[in-house]
Amino acid sequence: MELNTFNDDPLDVDNDGIPNVYEDDDRDGIVNLYDDNEVTNETNSTSETIDSDDDNEVVDTTNGTSEIIDSDDNNEVADTTNGTSEIIDSDDNNEVADTTN
């Protein structure tokens, strides 16, 4: 009998038999997906990823369409209230992307 050492589970990236969604590989107190400090939230039936790195992104799917709000120094806001993704950039250039028509 041949021993199969290959693990088919795509969530077990370190191949230890435990899916990484249940592990804290970097021992920071957060159970990570792929050990990148992400937290997966499925409270609104759509999987969204909140990435707690230095970029401070927040993924919001409350209106059924994934939008990314990036709270870095560029202060972009992604707005999908009219069904089309638009980006409002409140930096020094004061651009506004409008897709109402």
PDB file of N, CA and C in Angstrom:
ATOM      1  N   MET A   1       0.842  -1.177   0.000  1.00  0.00           N
ATOM      2  CA  MET A   1       0.000   0.000   0.000  1.00  0.00           C
ATOM      3  C   MET A   1       0.887   1.240   0.000  1.00  0.00           C
ATOM      4  N   GLU A   2       0.626   2.132  -0.960  1.00  0.00           N
ATOM      5  CA  GLU A   2       1.427   3.346  -1.079  1.00  0.00           C
ATOM      6  C   GLU A   2       0.844   4.445  -0.198  1.00  0.00           C
ATOM      7  N   LEU A   3       1.708   5.113   0.532  1.00  0.00           N
ATOM      8  CA  LEU A   3       1.280   6.202   1.401  1.00  0.00           C
ATOM      9  C   LEU A   3       1.134   7.472   0.573  1.00  0.00           C
ATOM     10  N   ASN A   4      -0.063   8.063   0.621  1.00  0.00           N
ATOM     11  CA  ASN A   4      -0.307   9.302  -0.111  1.00  0.00           C
ATOM     12  C   ASN A   4       0.006  10.474   0.809  1.00  0.00           C
ATOM     13  N   THR A   5       1.059  11.202   0.494  1.00  0.00           N
ATOM     14  CA  THR A   5       1.446  12.344   1.329  1.00  0.00           C
ATOM     15  C   THR A   5       0.902  13.655   0.786  1.00  0.00           C
ATOM     16  N   PHE A   6       0.177  13.603  -0.343  1.00  0.00           N
ATOM     17  CA  PHE A   6      -0.374  14.826  -0.933  1.00  0.00           C
ATOM     18  C   PHE A   6      -1.735  15.121  -0.323  1.00  0.00           C
ATOM     19  N   ASN A   7      -1.922  16.343   0.081  1.00  0.00           N
ATOM     20  CA  ASN A   7      -3.185  16.768   0.674  1.00  0.00           C
ATOM     21  C   ASN A   7      -3.952  17.585  -0.357  1.00  0.00           C
ATOM     22  N   ASP A   8      -5.211  17.170  -0.670  1.00  0.00           N
ATOM     23  CA  ASP A   8      -6.005  17.849  -1.699  1.00  0.00           C
ATOM     24  C   ASP A   8      -6.686  19.117  -1.201  1.00  0.00           C
ATOM     25  N   ASP A   9      -6.690  19.363   0.090  1.00  0.00           N
ATOM     26  CA  ASP A   9      -7.468  20.469   0.646  1.00  0.00           C
ATOM     27  C   ASP A   9      -6.823  21.803   0.281  1.00  0.00           C
ATOM     28  N   PRO A  10      -7.503  22.653  -0.534  1.00  0.00           N
ATOM     29  CA  PRO A  10      -6.892  23.929  -0.931  1.00  0.00           C
ATOM     30  C   PRO A  10      -6.742  24.909   0.223  1.00  0.00           C
ATOM     31  N   LEU A  11      -7.461  24.682   1.318  1.00  0.00           N
ATOM     32  CA  LEU A  11      -7.343  25.577   2.464  1.00  0.00           C
ATOM     33  C   LEU A  11      -6.222  25.171   3.414  1.00  0.00           C
ATOM     34  N   ASP A  12      -5.632  24.002   3.168  1.00  0.00           N
ATOM     35  CA  ASP A  12      -4.529  23.538   4.009  1.00  0.00           C
ATOM     36  C   ASP A  12      -3.220  23.841   3.295  1.00  0.00           C
ATOM     37  N   VAL A  13      -2.829  25.111   3.279  1.00  0.00           N
ATOM     38  CA  VAL A  13      -1.674  25.518   2.484  1.00  0.00           C
ATOM     39  C   VAL A  13      -0.350  25.059   3.075  1.00  0.00           C
ATOM     40  N   ASP A  14      -0.304  24.779   4.376  1.00  0.00           N
ATOM     41  CA  ASP A  14       0.948  24.279   4.943  1.00  0.00           C
ATOM     42  C   ASP A  14       0.969  22.753   5.022  1.00  0.00           C
ATOM     43  N   ASN A  15      -0.078  22.110   4.472  1.00  0.00           N
ATOM     44  CA  ASN A  15      -0.129  20.654   4.297  1.00  0.00           C
ATOM     45  C   ASN A  15       0.071  19.887   5.598  1.00  0.00           C
ATOM     46  N   ASP A  16      -0.533  20.374   6.690  1.00  0.00           N
ATOM     47  CA  ASP A  16      -0.414  19.668   7.959  1.00  0.00           C
ATOM     48  C   ASP A  16      -1.688  18.916   8.324  1.00  0.00           C
ATOM     49  N   GLY A  17      -2.656  18.888   7.408  1.00  0.00           N
ATOM     50  CA  GLY A  17      -3.890  18.166   7.665  1.00  0.00           C
ATOM     51  C   GLY A  17      -4.971  19.005   8.310  1.00  0.00           C
ATOM     52  N   ILE A  18      -4.661  20.247   8.660  1.00  0.00           N
ATOM     53  CA  ILE A  18      -5.644  21.141   9.274  1.00  0.00           C
ATOM     54  C   ILE A  18      -5.846  22.328   8.341  1.00  0.00           C
ATOM     55  N   PRO A  19      -7.100  22.588   7.889  1.00  0.00           N
ATOM     56  CA  PRO A  19      -7.317  23.763   7.038  1.00  0.00           C
ATOM     57  C   PRO A  19      -6.868  25.032   7.746  1.00  0.00           C
ATOM     58  N   ASN A  20      -6.187  25.900   7.029  1.00  0.00           N
ATOM     59  CA  ASN A  20      -5.627  27.102   7.641  1.00  0.00           C
ATOM     60  C   ASN A  20      -6.672  28.057   8.192  1.00  0.00           C
ATOM     61  N   VAL A  21      -7.944  27.897   7.776  1.00  0.00           N
ATOM     62  CA  VAL A  21      -8.976  28.758   8.348  1.00  0.00           C
ATOM     63  C   VAL A  21      -9.161  28.476   9.824  1.00  0.00           C
ATOM     64  N   TYR A  22      -8.617  27.348  10.309  1.00  0.00           N
ATOM     65  CA  TYR A  22      -8.733  26.997  11.719  1.00  0.00           C
ATOM     66  C   TYR A  22      -7.414  27.148  12.464  1.00  0.00           C
ATOM     67  N   GLU A  23      -6.410  27.755  11.851  1.00  0.00           N
ATOM     68  CA  GLU A  23      -5.093  27.842  12.461  1.00  0.00           C
ATOM     69  C   GLU A  23      -4.682  29.292  12.707  1.00  0.00           C
ATOM     70  N   ASP A  24      -3.783  29.462  13.624  1.00  0.00           N
ATOM     71  CA  ASP A  24      -3.166  30.763  13.890  1.00  0.00           C
ATOM     72  C   ASP A  24      -1.671  30.588  13.655  1.00  0.00           C
ATOM     73  N   ASP A  25      -1.289  30.516  12.369  1.00  0.00           N
ATOM     74  CA  ASP A  25       0.089  30.169  12.032  1.00  0.00           C
ATOM     75  C   ASP A  25       1.106  31.208  12.473  1.00  0.00           C
ATOM     76  N   ASP A  26       0.742  32.484  12.447  1.00  0.00           N
ATOM     77  CA  ASP A  26       1.722  33.488  12.861  1.00  0.00           C
ATOM     78  C   ASP A  26       1.575  33.869  14.328  1.00  0.00           C
ATOM     79  N   ARG A  27       0.705  33.174  15.042  1.00  0.00           N
ATOM     80  CA  ARG A  27       0.541  33.307  16.500  1.00  0.00           C
ATOM     81  C   ARG A  27       0.272  34.741  16.933  1.00  0.00           C
ATOM     82  N   ASP A  28      -0.612  35.417  16.178  1.00  0.00           N
ATOM     83  CA  ASP A  28      -0.972  36.781  16.546  1.00  0.00           C
ATOM     84  C   ASP A  28      -2.340  36.850  17.214  1.00  0.00           C
ATOM     85  N   GLY A  29      -2.915  35.695  17.518  1.00  0.00           N
ATOM     86  CA  GLY A  29      -4.220  35.673  18.160  1.00  0.00           C
ATOM     87  C   GLY A  29      -5.377  35.683  17.188  1.00  0.00           C
ATOM     88  N   ILE A  30      -5.093  35.775  15.878  1.00  0.00           N
ATOM     89  CA  ILE A  30      -6.132  35.785  14.854  1.00  0.00           C
ATOM     90  C   ILE A  30      -6.013  34.505  14.044  1.00  0.00           C
ATOM     91  N   VAL A  31      -7.145  33.813  13.868  1.00  0.00           N
ATOM     92  CA  VAL A  31      -7.154  32.639  13.012  1.00  0.00           C
ATOM     93  C   VAL A  31      -7.169  33.138  11.577  1.00  0.00           C
ATOM     94  N   ASN A  32      -6.134  32.787  10.834  1.00  0.00           N
ATOM     95  CA  ASN A  32      -5.894  33.409   9.538  1.00  0.00           C
ATOM     96  C   ASN A  32      -6.267  32.508   8.383  1.00  0.00           C
ATOM     97  N   LEU A  33      -6.634  33.137   7.266  1.00  0.00           N
ATOM     98  CA  LEU A  33      -6.764  32.437   6.006  1.00  0.00           C
ATOM     99  C   LEU A  33      -5.507  32.746   5.210  1.00  0.00           C
ATOM    100  N   TYR A  34      -4.703  31.712   4.927  1.00  0.00           N
ATOM    101  CA  TYR A  34      -3.433  31.852   4.233  1.00  0.00           C
ATOM    102  C   TYR A  34      -2.429  32.703   4.995  1.00  0.00           C
ATOM    103  N   ASP A  35      -2.613  32.846   6.301  1.00  0.00           N
ATOM    104  CA  ASP A  35      -1.611  33.446   7.174  1.00  0.00           C
ATOM    105  C   ASP A  35      -1.245  34.871   6.775  1.00  0.00           C
ATOM    106  N   ASP A  36      -2.217  35.661   6.296  1.00  0.00           N
ATOM    107  CA  ASP A  36      -1.961  37.050   5.918  1.00  0.00           C
ATOM    108  C   ASP A  36      -2.742  38.014   6.799  1.00  0.00           C
ATOM    109  N   ASN A  37      -3.118  37.602   7.974  1.00  0.00           N
ATOM    110  CA  ASN A  37      -3.850  38.435   8.925  1.00  0.00           C
ATOM    111  C   ASN A  37      -5.232  38.845   8.430  1.00  0.00           C
ATOM    112  N   GLU A  38      -5.828  38.082   7.497  1.00  0.00           N
ATOM    113  CA  GLU A  38      -7.166  38.402   7.051  1.00  0.00           C
ATOM    114  C   GLU A  38      -8.200  37.814   7.995  1.00  0.00           C
ATOM    115  N   VAL A  39      -9.354  38.435   8.023  1.00  0.00           N
ATOM    116  CA  VAL A  39     -10.503  37.909   8.743  1.00  0.00           C
ATOM    117  C   VAL A  39     -11.627  37.792   7.727  1.00  0.00           C
ATOM    118  N   THR A  40     -12.252  36.623   7.642  1.00  0.00           N
ATOM    119  CA  THR A  40     -13.348  36.425   6.706  1.00  0.00           C
ATOM    120  C   THR A  40     -14.664  36.587   7.438  1.00  0.00           C
ATOM    121  N   ASN A  41     -15.542  37.402   6.882  1.00  0.00           N
ATOM    122  CA  ASN A  41     -16.826  37.699   7.499  1.00  0.00           C
ATOM    123  C   ASN A  41     -17.934  37.336   6.529  1.00  0.00           C
ATOM    124  N   GLU A  42     -18.856  36.473   6.946  1.00  0.00           N
ATOM    125  CA  GLU A  42     -19.954  36.061   6.087  1.00  0.00           C
ATOM    126  C   GLU A  42     -21.296  36.432   6.697  1.00  0.00           C
ATOM    127  N   THR A  43     -21.353  37.517   7.456  1.00  0.00           N
ATOM    128  CA  THR A  43     -22.587  37.860   8.155  1.00  0.00           C
ATOM    129  C   THR A  43     -23.699  38.262   7.207  1.00  0.00           C
ATOM    130  N   ASN A  44     -23.374  38.792   6.042  1.00  0.00           N
ATOM    131  CA  ASN A  44     -24.423  39.198   5.116  1.00  0.00           C
ATOM    132  C   ASN A  44     -24.527  38.239   3.937  1.00  0.00           C
ATOM    133  N   SER A  45     -24.199  36.986   4.148  1.00  0.00           N
ATOM    134  CA  SER A  45     -24.309  35.876   3.205  1.00  0.00           C
ATOM    135  C   SER A  45     -23.375  36.001   2.010  1.00  0.00           C
ATOM    136  N   THR A  46     -22.584  37.031   1.942  1.00  0.00           N
ATOM    137  CA  THR A  46     -21.559  37.159   0.912  1.00  0.00           C
ATOM    138  C   THR A  46     -20.217  37.245   1.616  1.00  0.00           C
ATOM    139  N   SER A  47     -19.305  36.398   1.200  1.00  0.00           N
ATOM    140  CA  SER A  47     -18.010  36.399   1.868  1.00  0.00           C
ATOM    141  C   SER A  47     -17.283  37.696   1.569  1.00  0.00           C
ATOM    142  N   GLU A  48     -16.862  38.376   2.609  1.00  0.00           N
ATOM    143  CA  GLU A  48     -16.060  39.575   2.447  1.00  0.00           C
ATOM    144  C   GLU A  48     -14.783  39.388   3.249  1.00  0.00           C
ATOM    145  N   THR A  49     -13.723  39.969   2.797  1.00  0.00           N
ATOM    146  CA  THR A  49     -12.444  39.853   3.478  1.00  0.00           C
ATOM    147  C   THR A  49     -12.053  41.207   4.025  1.00  0.00           C
ATOM    148  N   ILE A  50     -11.784  41.247   5.302  1.00  0.00           N
ATOM    149  CA  ILE A  50     -11.274  42.452   5.934  1.00  0.00           C
ATOM    150  C   ILE A  50      -9.791  42.221   6.168  1.00  0.00           C
ATOM    151  N   ASP A  51      -8.965  43.035   5.568  1.00  0.00           N
ATOM    152  CA  ASP A  51      -7.518  42.867   5.626  1.00  0.00           C
ATOM    153  C   ASP A  51      -6.972  43.870   6.635  1.00  0.00           C
ATOM    154  N   SER A  52      -6.398  43.359   7.701  1.00  0.00           N
ATOM    155  CA  SER A  52      -5.969  44.216   8.800  1.00  0.00           C
ATOM    156  C   SER A  52      -4.504  44.612   8.680  1.00  0.00           C
ATOM    157  N   ASP A  53      -4.005  44.723   7.452  1.00  0.00           N
ATOM    158  CA  ASP A  53      -2.625  45.161   7.309  1.00  0.00           C
ATOM    159  C   ASP A  53      -2.557  46.683   7.328  1.00  0.00           C
ATOM    160  N   ASP A  54      -1.422  47.217   6.968  1.00  0.00           N
ATOM    161  CA  ASP A  54      -1.220  48.661   7.083  1.00  0.00           C
ATOM    162  C   ASP A  54      -2.032  49.474   6.091  1.00  0.00           C
ATOM    163  N   ASP A  55      -2.648  48.815   5.091  1.00  0.00           N
ATOM    164  CA  ASP A  55      -3.415  49.561   4.091  1.00  0.00           C
ATOM    165  C   ASP A  55      -4.825  49.901   4.572  1.00  0.00           C
ATOM    166  N   ASN A  56      -5.289  49.253   5.632  1.00  0.00           N
ATOM    167  CA  ASN A  56      -6.577  49.569   6.257  1.00  0.00           C
ATOM    168  C   ASN A  56      -7.762  49.481   5.304  1.00  0.00           C
ATOM    169  N   GLU A  57      -7.765  48.526   4.375  1.00  0.00           N
ATOM    170  CA  GLU A  57      -8.913  48.381   3.493  1.00  0.00           C
ATOM    171  C   GLU A  57     -10.081  47.764   4.249  1.00  0.00           C
ATOM    172  N   VAL A  58     -11.281  48.122   3.841  1.00  0.00           N
ATOM    173  CA  VAL A  58     -12.492  47.490   4.353  1.00  0.00           C
ATOM    174  C   VAL A  58     -13.342  47.117   3.151  1.00  0.00           C
ATOM    175  N   VAL A  59     -13.777  45.870   3.075  1.00  0.00           N
ATOM    176  CA  VAL A  59     -14.654  45.434   2.003  1.00  0.00           C
ATOM    177  C   VAL A  59     -16.079  45.449   2.528  1.00  0.00           C
ATOM    178  N   ASP A  60     -16.972  46.115   1.830  1.00  0.00           N
ATOM    179  CA  ASP A  60     -18.360  46.270   2.264  1.00  0.00           C
ATOM    180  C   ASP A  60     -19.272  45.705   1.192  1.00  0.00           C
ATOM    181  N   THR A  61     -20.093  44.734   1.555  1.00  0.00           N
ATOM    182  CA  THR A  61     -21.024  44.148   0.591  1.00  0.00           C
ATOM    183  C   THR A  61     -22.458  44.320   1.059  1.00  0.00           C
ATOM    184  N   THR A  62     -22.723  45.358   1.828  1.00  0.00           N
ATOM    185  CA  THR A  62     -24.066  45.524   2.382  1.00  0.00           C
ATOM    186  C   THR A  62     -25.102  45.807   1.313  1.00  0.00           C
ATOM    187  N   ASN A  63     -24.711  46.382   0.179  1.00  0.00           N
ATOM    188  CA  ASN A  63     -25.681  46.646  -0.868  1.00  0.00           C
ATOM    189  C   ASN A  63     -25.623  45.610  -1.979  1.00  0.00           C
ATOM    190  N   GLY A  64     -25.064  44.440  -1.695  1.00  0.00           N
ATOM    191  CA  GLY A  64     -25.065  43.347  -2.652  1.00  0.00           C
ATOM    192  C   GLY A  64     -23.948  43.406  -3.670  1.00  0.00           C
ATOM    193  N   THR A  65     -23.209  44.488  -3.722  1.00  0.00           N
ATOM    194  CA  THR A  65     -22.092  44.620  -4.640  1.00  0.00           C
ATOM    195  C   THR A  65     -20.847  44.927  -3.827  1.00  0.00           C
ATOM    196  N   SER A  66     -19.791  44.195  -4.106  1.00  0.00           N
ATOM    197  CA  SER A  66     -18.575  44.403  -3.329  1.00  0.00           C
ATOM    198  C   SER A  66     -17.982  45.764  -3.642  1.00  0.00           C
ATOM    199  N   GLU A  67     -17.714  46.530  -2.613  1.00  0.00           N
ATOM    200  CA  GLU A  67     -17.029  47.805  -2.772  1.00  0.00           C
ATOM    201  C   GLU A  67     -15.870  47.837  -1.790  1.00  0.00           C
ATOM    202  N   ILE A  68     -14.841  48.548  -2.119  1.00  0.00           N
ATOM    203  CA  ILE A  68     -13.671  48.653  -1.257  1.00  0.00           C
ATOM    204  C   ILE A  68     -13.529  50.095  -0.812  1.00  0.00           C
ATOM    205  N   ILE A  69     -13.464  50.292   0.482  1.00  0.00           N
ATOM    206  CA  ILE A  69     -13.197  51.602   1.046  1.00  0.00           C
ATOM    207  C   ILE A  69     -11.770  51.569   1.564  1.00  0.00           C
ATOM    208  N   ASP A  70     -10.926  52.399   1.022  1.00  0.00           N
ATOM    209  CA  ASP A  70      -9.508  52.412   1.371  1.00  0.00           C
ATOM    210  C   ASP A  70      -9.249  53.668   2.196  1.00  0.00           C
ATOM    211  N   SER A  71      -8.903  53.467   3.453  1.00  0.00           N
ATOM    212  CA  SER A  71      -8.740  54.605   4.354  1.00  0.00           C
ATOM    213  C   SER A  71      -7.284  55.036   4.477  1.00  0.00           C
ATOM    214  N   ASP A  72      -6.515  54.853   3.408  1.00  0.00           N
ATOM    215  CA  ASP A  72      -5.139  55.324   3.447  1.00  0.00           C
ATOM    216  C   ASP A  72      -5.102  56.828   3.161  1.00  0.00           C
ATOM    217  N   ASP A  73      -3.943  57.344   2.882  1.00  0.00           N
ATOM    218  CA  ASP A  73      -3.797  58.791   2.714  1.00  0.00           C
ATOM    219  C   ASP A  73      -4.509  59.337   1.486  1.00  0.00           C
ATOM    220  N   ASN A  74      -4.934  58.462   0.555  1.00  0.00           N
ATOM    221  CA  ASN A  74      -5.616  58.949  -0.646  1.00  0.00           C
ATOM    222  C   ASN A  74      -7.101  59.191  -0.416  1.00  0.00           C
ATOM    223  N   ASN A  75      -7.651  58.651   0.671  1.00  0.00           N
ATOM    224  CA  ASN A  75      -9.042  58.895   1.062  1.00  0.00           C
ATOM    225  C   ASN A  75     -10.057  58.553  -0.021  1.00  0.00           C
ATOM    226  N   GLU A  76      -9.835  57.476  -0.781  1.00  0.00           N
ATOM    227  CA  GLU A  76     -10.818  57.087  -1.779  1.00  0.00           C
ATOM    228  C   GLU A  76     -12.040  56.479  -1.099  1.00  0.00           C
ATOM    229  N   VAL A  77     -13.187  56.641  -1.727  1.00  0.00           N
ATOM    230  CA  VAL A  77     -14.407  55.972  -1.287  1.00  0.00           C
ATOM    231  C   VAL A  77     -15.028  55.325  -2.515  1.00  0.00           C
ATOM    232  N   ALA A  78     -15.320  54.033  -2.438  1.00  0.00           N
ATOM    233  CA  ALA A  78     -15.996  53.345  -3.534  1.00  0.00           C
ATOM    234  C   ALA A  78     -17.482  53.319  -3.227  1.00  0.00           C
ATOM    235  N   ASP A  79     -18.297  53.833  -4.126  1.00  0.00           N
ATOM    236  CA  ASP A  79     -19.733  53.973  -3.903  1.00  0.00           C
ATOM    237  C   ASP A  79     -20.470  53.201  -4.990  1.00  0.00           C
ATOM    238  N   THR A  80     -21.313  52.259  -4.589  1.00  0.00           N
ATOM    239  CA  THR A  80     -22.078  51.481  -5.565  1.00  0.00           C
ATOM    240  C   THR A  80     -23.568  51.653  -5.339  1.00  0.00           C
ATOM    241  N   THR A  81     -23.983  52.777  -4.784  1.00  0.00           N
ATOM    242  CA  THR A  81     -25.401  52.959  -4.477  1.00  0.00           C
ATOM    243  C   THR A  81     -26.257  53.040  -5.725  1.00  0.00           C
ATOM    244  N   ASN A  82     -25.688  53.449  -6.855  1.00  0.00           N
ATOM    245  CA  ASN A  82     -26.481  53.511  -8.073  1.00  0.00           C
ATOM    246  C   ASN A  82     -26.243  52.306  -8.971  1.00  0.00           C
ATOM    247  N   GLY A  83     -25.717  51.219  -8.409  1.00  0.00           N
ATOM    248  CA  GLY A  83     -25.565  49.977  -9.155  1.00  0.00           C
ATOM    249  C   GLY A  83     -24.300  49.898  -9.976  1.00  0.00           C
ATOM    250  N   THR A  84     -23.565  50.984 -10.094  1.00  0.00           N
ATOM    251  CA  THR A  84     -22.319  50.998 -10.843  1.00  0.00           C
ATOM    252  C   THR A  84     -21.229  51.512  -9.923  1.00  0.00           C
ATOM    253  N   SER A  85     -20.122  50.809  -9.917  1.00  0.00           N
ATOM    254  CA  SER A  85     -19.050  51.219  -9.023  1.00  0.00           C
ATOM    255  C   SER A  85     -18.463  52.542  -9.484  1.00  0.00           C
ATOM    256  N   GLU A  86     -18.361  53.482  -8.577  1.00  0.00           N
ATOM    257  CA  GLU A  86     -17.707  54.748  -8.858  1.00  0.00           C
ATOM    258  C   GLU A  86     -16.720  55.024  -7.737  1.00  0.00           C
ATOM    259  N   ILE A  87     -15.686  55.740  -8.037  1.00  0.00           N
ATOM    260  CA  ILE A  87     -14.678  56.074  -7.039  1.00  0.00           C
ATOM    261  C   ILE A  87     -14.669  57.579  -6.853  1.00  0.00           C
ATOM    262  N   ILE A  88     -14.817  58.008  -5.628  1.00  0.00           N
ATOM    263  CA  ILE A  88     -14.709  59.414  -5.286  1.00  0.00           C
ATOM    264  C   ILE A  88     -13.373  59.590  -4.587  1.00  0.00           C
ATOM    265  N   ASP A  89     -12.516  60.405  -5.152  1.00  0.00           N
ATOM    266  CA  ASP A  89     -11.166  60.597  -4.629  1.00  0.00           C
ATOM    267  C   ASP A  89     -11.099  61.996  -4.028  1.00  0.00           C
ATOM    268  N   SER A  90     -10.919  62.061  -2.724  1.00  0.00           N
ATOM    269  CA  SER A  90     -10.941  63.356  -2.049  1.00  0.00           C
ATOM    270  C   SER A  90      -9.538  63.871  -1.751  1.00  0.00           C
ATOM    271  N   ASP A  91      -8.587  63.541  -2.623  1.00  0.00           N
ATOM    272  CA  ASP A  91      -7.244  64.065  -2.411  1.00  0.00           C
ATOM    273  C   ASP A  91      -7.159  65.508  -2.922  1.00  0.00           C
ATOM    274  N   ASP A  92      -5.966  66.008  -3.090  1.00  0.00           N
ATOM    275  CA  ASP A  92      -5.797  67.418  -3.458  1.00  0.00           C
ATOM    276  C   ASP A  92      -6.320  67.751  -4.844  1.00  0.00           C
ATOM    277  N   ASN A  93      -6.553  66.728  -5.686  1.00  0.00           N
ATOM    278  CA  ASN A  93      -7.050  66.999  -7.035  1.00  0.00           C
ATOM    279  C   ASN A  93      -8.565  67.152  -7.075  1.00  0.00           C
ATOM    280  N   ASN A  94      -9.248  66.719  -6.014  1.00  0.00           N
ATOM    281  CA  ASN A  94     -10.697  66.878  -5.878  1.00  0.00           C
ATOM    282  C   ASN A  94     -11.489  66.277  -7.035  1.00  0.00           C
ATOM    283  N   GLU A  95     -11.044  65.130  -7.575  1.00  0.00           N
ATOM    284  CA  GLU A  95     -11.816  64.492  -8.635  1.00  0.00           C
ATOM    285  C   GLU A  95     -13.061  63.838  -8.041  1.00  0.00           C
ATOM    286  N   VAL A  96     -14.109  63.766  -8.840  1.00  0.00           N
ATOM    287  CA  VAL A  96     -15.304  63.012  -8.472  1.00  0.00           C
ATOM    288  C   VAL A  96     -15.684  62.169  -9.677  1.00  0.00           C
ATOM    289  N   ALA A  97     -15.837  60.861  -9.476  1.00  0.00           N
ATOM    290  CA  ALA A  97     -16.290  59.983 -10.551  1.00  0.00           C
ATOM    291  C   ALA A  97     -17.788  59.801 -10.391  1.00  0.00           C
ATOM    292  N   ASP A  98     -18.554  60.159 -11.403  1.00  0.00           N
ATOM    293  CA  ASP A  98     -20.012  60.106 -11.329  1.00  0.00           C
ATOM    294  C   ASP A  98     -20.520  59.243 -12.470  1.00  0.00           C
ATOM    295  N   THR A  99     -21.281  58.204 -12.141  1.00  0.00           N
ATOM    296  CA  THR A  99     -21.810  57.312 -13.174  1.00  0.00           C
ATOM    297  C   THR A  99     -23.328  57.304 -13.156  1.00  0.00           C
ATOM    298  N   THR A 100     -23.953  58.398 -12.737  1.00  0.00           N
ATOM    299  CA  THR A 100     -25.413  58.406 -12.640  1.00  0.00           C
ATOM    300  C   THR A 100     -26.079  58.313 -13.998  1.00  0.00           C
ATOM    301  N   ASN A 101     -25.438  58.775 -15.060  1.00  0.00           N
ATOM    302  CA  ASN A 101     -26.012  58.644 -16.391  1.00  0.00           C
ATOM    303  C   ASN A 101     -25.206  57.656 -17.213  1.00  0.00           C
TER     304      ASN A 101
END
